[in-house]
Amino acid sequence: MKDIWLFSLTALALVLILVTGQYLQGDYADPSYSHKPISSDAGQYAVEKDGRLLLNINAVDAETLSRLDGIGETLCRRIVEYREEYGAFVNLDELLKVDGIGTRTLGLIRDHLICLPPE
């Protein structure tokens, strides 16, 4: 019986660490992000990190988002509608809540996105 309690407490502690760590070390907590728009055809929707242009999922419009390979216009519209209905995304994994986005689609677009708090 003692082993079960010890295992349960250890599992609970690990879950709390993972949840808290995800929140504290979310996508926009990384100090290496420039956090400012760069001049590009994506305008205020993009930031630069390590020489790569990343679209801010909390600012991008459906038209700009549709430039990414792997998602079409309908899915882009759903992402923007989800954000308008439920508020800003906390991290990129939250995109899995959008109808039509699964782990495969998220894997295709993750490297082109960033999750910064709305301005």
N, C-alpha and C. Protein backbone atom coordinates (compact mmCIF):
# COMPACT_ATOMS: atom_id res chain seq x y z
N MET A 1 0.82 -1.19 0.00
CA MET A 1 0.00 0.00 0.00
C MET A 1 0.86 1.25 0.00
N LYS A 2 1.96 1.21 0.75
CA LYS A 2 2.87 2.34 0.83
C LYS A 2 3.48 2.63 -0.55
N ASP A 3 3.77 1.59 -1.31
CA ASP A 3 4.36 1.76 -2.64
C ASP A 3 3.39 2.46 -3.59
N ILE A 4 2.13 2.17 -3.49
CA ILE A 4 1.13 2.80 -4.36
C ILE A 4 1.07 4.30 -4.07
N TRP A 5 1.07 4.67 -2.80
CA TRP A 5 1.03 6.09 -2.45
C TRP A 5 2.29 6.81 -2.93
N LEU A 6 3.42 6.16 -2.76
CA LEU A 6 4.68 6.76 -3.20
C LEU A 6 4.68 6.94 -4.71
N PHE A 7 4.21 5.94 -5.42
CA PHE A 7 4.12 6.03 -6.88
C PHE A 7 3.15 7.14 -7.29
N SER A 8 2.02 7.22 -6.63
CA SER A 8 1.01 8.24 -6.96
C SER A 8 1.54 9.64 -6.72
N LEU A 9 2.21 9.85 -5.60
CA LEU A 9 2.77 11.16 -5.31
C LEU A 9 3.88 11.53 -6.29
N THR A 10 4.69 10.57 -6.66
CA THR A 10 5.75 10.82 -7.64
C THR A 10 5.16 11.18 -9.00
N ALA A 11 4.13 10.45 -9.42
CA ALA A 11 3.47 10.73 -10.70
C ALA A 11 2.83 12.11 -10.67
N LEU A 12 2.17 12.46 -9.58
CA LEU A 12 1.55 13.78 -9.45
C LEU A 12 2.60 14.88 -9.51
N ALA A 13 3.72 14.68 -8.83
CA ALA A 13 4.79 15.67 -8.84
C ALA A 13 5.34 15.86 -10.26
N LEU A 14 5.51 14.77 -10.99
CA LEU A 14 6.02 14.88 -12.36
C LEU A 14 5.03 15.62 -13.27
N VAL A 15 3.76 15.33 -13.10
CA VAL A 15 2.75 16.03 -13.91
C VAL A 15 2.77 17.52 -13.60
N LEU A 16 2.83 17.88 -12.33
CA LEU A 16 2.88 19.29 -11.95
C LEU A 16 4.12 19.98 -12.50
N ILE A 17 5.25 19.31 -12.46
CA ILE A 17 6.48 19.87 -13.00
C ILE A 17 6.35 20.09 -14.50
N LEU A 18 5.79 19.10 -15.19
CA LEU A 18 5.63 19.23 -16.64
C LEU A 18 4.67 20.36 -17.01
N VAL A 19 3.55 20.43 -16.31
CA VAL A 19 2.57 21.47 -16.60
C VAL A 19 3.14 22.85 -16.28
N THR A 20 3.72 22.99 -15.13
CA THR A 20 4.31 24.27 -14.74
C THR A 20 5.47 24.63 -15.64
N GLY A 21 6.30 23.68 -15.97
CA GLY A 21 7.43 23.93 -16.85
C GLY A 21 6.99 24.36 -18.23
N GLN A 22 5.92 23.75 -18.76
CA GLN A 22 5.41 24.14 -20.07
C GLN A 22 4.93 25.58 -20.03
N TYR A 23 4.26 25.94 -18.95
CA TYR A 23 3.73 27.30 -18.86
C TYR A 23 4.86 28.31 -18.71
N LEU A 24 5.82 28.01 -17.84
CA LEU A 24 6.90 28.95 -17.60
C LEU A 24 7.89 29.01 -18.76
N GLN A 25 8.00 27.92 -19.50
CA GLN A 25 8.93 27.89 -20.61
C GLN A 25 8.19 27.79 -21.93
N GLY A 26 7.05 28.47 -22.02
CA GLY A 26 6.24 28.46 -23.23
C GLY A 26 6.99 29.03 -24.42
N ASP A 27 6.34 29.02 -25.56
CA ASP A 27 6.98 29.43 -26.79
C ASP A 27 7.47 30.87 -26.76
N TYR A 28 6.79 31.76 -26.03
CA TYR A 28 7.22 33.14 -26.04
C TYR A 28 8.09 33.51 -24.85
N ALA A 29 8.50 32.54 -24.05
CA ALA A 29 9.39 32.82 -22.93
C ALA A 29 10.86 32.75 -23.33
N ASP A 30 11.15 32.27 -24.52
CA ASP A 30 12.52 32.14 -25.00
C ASP A 30 13.11 33.52 -25.28
N PRO A 31 14.17 33.93 -24.57
CA PRO A 31 14.73 35.27 -24.75
C PRO A 31 15.42 35.46 -26.10
N SER A 32 15.65 34.41 -26.86
CA SER A 32 16.32 34.57 -28.14
C SER A 32 15.39 35.08 -29.24
N TYR A 33 14.08 35.11 -28.99
CA TYR A 33 13.15 35.66 -29.98
C TYR A 33 13.29 37.17 -29.99
N SER A 34 13.23 37.76 -31.16
CA SER A 34 13.41 39.20 -31.25
C SER A 34 12.19 39.96 -30.76
N HIS A 35 11.00 39.37 -30.80
CA HIS A 35 9.76 39.97 -30.32
C HIS A 35 9.41 41.27 -31.02
N LYS A 36 9.98 41.53 -32.18
CA LYS A 36 9.58 42.72 -32.91
C LYS A 36 9.40 42.37 -34.38
N PRO A 37 8.46 43.02 -35.02
CA PRO A 37 8.22 42.73 -36.43
C PRO A 37 9.44 43.08 -37.28
N ILE A 38 9.61 42.37 -38.34
CA ILE A 38 10.66 42.69 -39.28
C ILE A 38 10.00 43.11 -40.58
N SER A 39 10.74 43.83 -41.39
CA SER A 39 10.14 44.24 -42.65
C SER A 39 10.15 43.06 -43.61
N SER A 40 8.98 42.68 -44.01
CA SER A 40 8.81 41.59 -44.95
C SER A 40 7.41 41.69 -45.51
N ASP A 41 7.08 40.82 -46.43
CA ASP A 41 5.73 40.86 -46.97
C ASP A 41 4.72 40.34 -45.95
N ALA A 42 5.18 39.74 -44.86
CA ALA A 42 4.28 39.27 -43.81
C ALA A 42 3.99 40.38 -42.79
N GLY A 43 4.75 41.47 -42.85
CA GLY A 43 4.50 42.64 -42.00
C GLY A 43 4.53 42.35 -40.53
N GLN A 44 3.51 42.84 -39.80
CA GLN A 44 3.48 42.75 -38.35
C GLN A 44 3.20 41.33 -37.85
N TYR A 45 2.98 40.39 -38.75
CA TYR A 45 2.65 39.03 -38.34
C TYR A 45 3.88 38.16 -38.11
N ALA A 46 5.05 38.65 -38.43
CA ALA A 46 6.23 37.79 -38.42
C ALA A 46 7.32 38.34 -37.52
N VAL A 47 8.12 37.44 -37.00
CA VAL A 47 9.32 37.80 -36.25
C VAL A 47 10.47 36.98 -36.81
N GLU A 48 11.66 37.42 -36.52
CA GLU A 48 12.83 36.70 -37.00
C GLU A 48 13.52 36.02 -35.83
N LYS A 49 13.89 34.78 -36.03
CA LYS A 49 14.65 34.03 -35.04
C LYS A 49 15.67 33.21 -35.79
N ASP A 50 16.93 33.41 -35.48
CA ASP A 50 18.02 32.67 -36.11
C ASP A 50 17.94 32.77 -37.63
N GLY A 51 17.60 33.94 -38.14
CA GLY A 51 17.54 34.15 -39.57
C GLY A 51 16.32 33.57 -40.26
N ARG A 52 15.39 33.02 -39.50
CA ARG A 52 14.17 32.43 -40.07
C ARG A 52 12.99 33.32 -39.77
N LEU A 53 12.08 33.41 -40.71
CA LEU A 53 10.85 34.16 -40.53
C LEU A 53 9.80 33.25 -39.92
N LEU A 54 9.25 33.64 -38.78
CA LEU A 54 8.24 32.84 -38.08
C LEU A 54 6.96 33.67 -37.97
N LEU A 55 5.84 33.07 -38.29
CA LEU A 55 4.55 33.74 -38.20
C LEU A 55 4.00 33.62 -36.79
N ASN A 56 3.58 34.74 -36.21
CA ASN A 56 2.99 34.75 -34.88
C ASN A 56 1.55 34.28 -34.97
N ILE A 57 1.25 33.12 -34.41
CA ILE A 57 -0.06 32.52 -34.50
C ILE A 57 -1.14 33.40 -33.84
N ASN A 58 -0.74 34.30 -32.95
CA ASN A 58 -1.70 35.16 -32.27
C ASN A 58 -1.94 36.49 -33.00
N ALA A 59 -1.27 36.70 -34.13
CA ALA A 59 -1.44 37.95 -34.86
C ALA A 59 -1.73 37.73 -36.34
N VAL A 60 -1.34 36.61 -36.88
CA VAL A 60 -1.42 36.37 -38.32
C VAL A 60 -2.87 36.28 -38.80
N ASP A 61 -3.11 36.79 -40.00
CA ASP A 61 -4.44 36.65 -40.58
C ASP A 61 -4.49 35.38 -41.43
N ALA A 62 -5.69 35.00 -41.83
CA ALA A 62 -5.88 33.74 -42.57
C ALA A 62 -5.16 33.76 -43.91
N GLU A 63 -5.14 34.90 -44.57
CA GLU A 63 -4.48 34.99 -45.89
C GLU A 63 -2.98 34.73 -45.78
N THR A 64 -2.34 35.36 -44.81
CA THR A 64 -0.90 35.15 -44.62
C THR A 64 -0.61 33.73 -44.17
N LEU A 65 -1.44 33.20 -43.29
CA LEU A 65 -1.28 31.85 -42.79
C LEU A 65 -1.40 30.81 -43.91
N SER A 66 -2.20 31.11 -44.90
CA SER A 66 -2.41 30.16 -46.00
C SER A 66 -1.17 29.98 -46.88
N ARG A 67 -0.16 30.80 -46.69
CA ARG A 67 1.09 30.65 -47.44
C ARG A 67 1.91 29.44 -46.98
N LEU A 68 1.59 28.92 -45.81
CA LEU A 68 2.31 27.76 -45.30
C LEU A 68 1.89 26.50 -46.03
N ASP A 69 2.84 25.65 -46.34
CA ASP A 69 2.52 24.36 -46.92
C ASP A 69 1.88 23.48 -45.86
N GLY A 70 0.90 22.71 -46.25
CA GLY A 70 0.29 21.76 -45.33
C GLY A 70 -1.07 22.17 -44.81
N ILE A 71 -1.46 23.44 -45.02
CA ILE A 71 -2.79 23.85 -44.59
C ILE A 71 -3.43 24.69 -45.69
N GLY A 72 -4.72 24.51 -45.86
CA GLY A 72 -5.46 25.24 -46.88
C GLY A 72 -6.22 26.41 -46.29
N GLU A 73 -6.99 27.05 -47.14
CA GLU A 73 -7.73 28.24 -46.74
C GLU A 73 -8.74 27.96 -45.63
N THR A 74 -9.43 26.82 -45.73
CA THR A 74 -10.44 26.49 -44.73
C THR A 74 -9.81 26.32 -43.35
N LEU A 75 -8.71 25.62 -43.28
CA LEU A 75 -8.04 25.40 -42.00
C LEU A 75 -7.49 26.71 -41.44
N CYS A 76 -6.96 27.55 -42.31
CA CYS A 76 -6.47 28.86 -41.87
C CYS A 76 -7.60 29.69 -41.27
N ARG A 77 -8.74 29.66 -41.91
CA ARG A 77 -9.90 30.39 -41.42
C ARG A 77 -10.34 29.83 -40.06
N ARG A 78 -10.30 28.52 -39.90
CA ARG A 78 -10.67 27.90 -38.61
C ARG A 78 -9.72 28.32 -37.49
N ILE A 79 -8.44 28.43 -37.79
CA ILE A 79 -7.45 28.86 -36.79
C ILE A 79 -7.77 30.27 -36.31
N VAL A 80 -8.02 31.16 -37.25
CA VAL A 80 -8.34 32.56 -36.89
C VAL A 80 -9.66 32.63 -36.14
N GLU A 81 -10.66 31.88 -36.56
CA GLU A 81 -11.95 31.87 -35.87
C GLU A 81 -11.81 31.32 -34.45
N TYR A 82 -11.01 30.27 -34.29
CA TYR A 82 -10.78 29.70 -32.96
C TYR A 82 -10.14 30.75 -32.05
N ARG A 83 -9.14 31.45 -32.58
CA ARG A 83 -8.44 32.47 -31.80
C ARG A 83 -9.39 33.61 -31.42
N GLU A 84 -10.26 34.00 -32.33
CA GLU A 84 -11.22 35.06 -32.03
C GLU A 84 -12.25 34.63 -30.99
N GLU A 85 -12.64 33.35 -31.03
CA GLU A 85 -13.64 32.86 -30.10
C GLU A 85 -13.08 32.58 -28.71
N TYR A 86 -11.89 31.97 -28.63
CA TYR A 86 -11.34 31.52 -27.35
C TYR A 86 -10.18 32.36 -26.84
N GLY A 87 -9.72 33.33 -27.61
CA GLY A 87 -8.60 34.16 -27.19
C GLY A 87 -7.28 33.65 -27.72
N ALA A 88 -6.24 34.33 -27.35
CA ALA A 88 -4.89 34.03 -27.85
C ALA A 88 -4.45 32.62 -27.46
N PHE A 89 -3.66 32.03 -28.34
CA PHE A 89 -3.07 30.73 -28.05
C PHE A 89 -1.97 30.91 -27.01
N VAL A 90 -1.87 29.98 -26.07
CA VAL A 90 -0.83 30.02 -25.04
C VAL A 90 0.44 29.37 -25.57
N ASN A 91 0.29 28.31 -26.36
CA ASN A 91 1.43 27.65 -26.98
C ASN A 91 0.95 26.99 -28.28
N LEU A 92 1.87 26.53 -29.07
CA LEU A 92 1.53 25.96 -30.37
C LEU A 92 0.76 24.66 -30.26
N ASP A 93 0.95 23.91 -29.19
CA ASP A 93 0.21 22.66 -29.00
C ASP A 93 -1.29 22.89 -28.89
N GLU A 94 -1.69 24.08 -28.51
CA GLU A 94 -3.11 24.41 -28.40
C GLU A 94 -3.80 24.39 -29.78
N LEU A 95 -3.02 24.46 -30.84
CA LEU A 95 -3.59 24.36 -32.20
C LEU A 95 -4.28 23.01 -32.41
N LEU A 96 -3.92 22.01 -31.63
CA LEU A 96 -4.56 20.69 -31.75
C LEU A 96 -6.05 20.75 -31.40
N LYS A 97 -6.48 21.80 -30.73
CA LYS A 97 -7.90 21.96 -30.40
C LYS A 97 -8.71 22.48 -31.58
N VAL A 98 -8.03 22.98 -32.61
CA VAL A 98 -8.72 23.50 -33.79
C VAL A 98 -9.17 22.31 -34.64
N ASP A 99 -10.44 22.31 -35.02
CA ASP A 99 -11.00 21.24 -35.84
C ASP A 99 -10.21 21.11 -37.14
N GLY A 100 -9.68 19.92 -37.39
CA GLY A 100 -8.94 19.66 -38.62
C GLY A 100 -7.43 19.63 -38.44
N ILE A 101 -6.94 20.01 -37.27
CA ILE A 101 -5.50 19.96 -37.02
C ILE A 101 -5.20 18.79 -36.11
N GLY A 102 -4.37 17.91 -36.62
CA GLY A 102 -3.89 16.78 -35.84
C GLY A 102 -2.39 16.90 -35.65
N THR A 103 -1.81 15.89 -35.07
CA THR A 103 -0.37 15.94 -34.81
C THR A 103 0.44 16.01 -36.10
N ARG A 104 -0.04 15.37 -37.14
CA ARG A 104 0.69 15.40 -38.42
C ARG A 104 0.70 16.82 -39.01
N THR A 105 -0.45 17.44 -39.05
CA THR A 105 -0.54 18.81 -39.59
C THR A 105 0.26 19.78 -38.74
N LEU A 106 0.15 19.66 -37.43
CA LEU A 106 0.91 20.53 -36.54
C LEU A 106 2.40 20.35 -36.77
N GLY A 107 2.83 19.11 -36.98
CA GLY A 107 4.24 18.86 -37.27
C GLY A 107 4.71 19.52 -38.55
N LEU A 108 3.82 19.62 -39.53
CA LEU A 108 4.18 20.26 -40.80
C LEU A 108 4.36 21.76 -40.67
N ILE A 109 3.57 22.38 -39.81
CA ILE A 109 3.59 23.84 -39.74
C ILE A 109 4.32 24.41 -38.52
N ARG A 110 4.62 23.58 -37.54
CA ARG A 110 5.22 24.06 -36.28
C ARG A 110 6.51 24.85 -36.49
N ASP A 111 7.36 24.42 -37.40
CA ASP A 111 8.65 25.09 -37.59
C ASP A 111 8.52 26.46 -38.24
N HIS A 112 7.32 26.83 -38.67
CA HIS A 112 7.10 28.11 -39.32
C HIS A 112 6.30 29.07 -38.46
N LEU A 113 5.98 28.64 -37.25
CA LEU A 113 5.13 29.44 -36.37
C LEU A 113 5.83 29.76 -35.06
N ILE A 114 5.33 30.79 -34.43
CA ILE A 114 5.76 31.17 -33.08
C ILE A 114 4.51 31.61 -32.33
N CYS A 115 4.52 31.48 -31.03
CA CYS A 115 3.37 31.86 -30.23
C CYS A 115 3.78 32.98 -29.29
N LEU A 116 3.54 34.22 -29.71
CA LEU A 116 3.83 35.39 -28.90
C LEU A 116 2.53 35.95 -28.34
N PRO A 117 2.58 36.56 -27.17
CA PRO A 117 1.34 37.14 -26.64
C PRO A 117 0.86 38.26 -27.55
N PRO A 118 -0.44 38.48 -27.62
CA PRO A 118 -0.95 39.55 -28.46
C PRO A 118 -0.50 40.91 -27.95
N GLU A 119 -0.35 41.83 -28.87
CA GLU A 119 0.10 43.17 -28.48
C GLU A 119 -1.02 44.02 -28.00
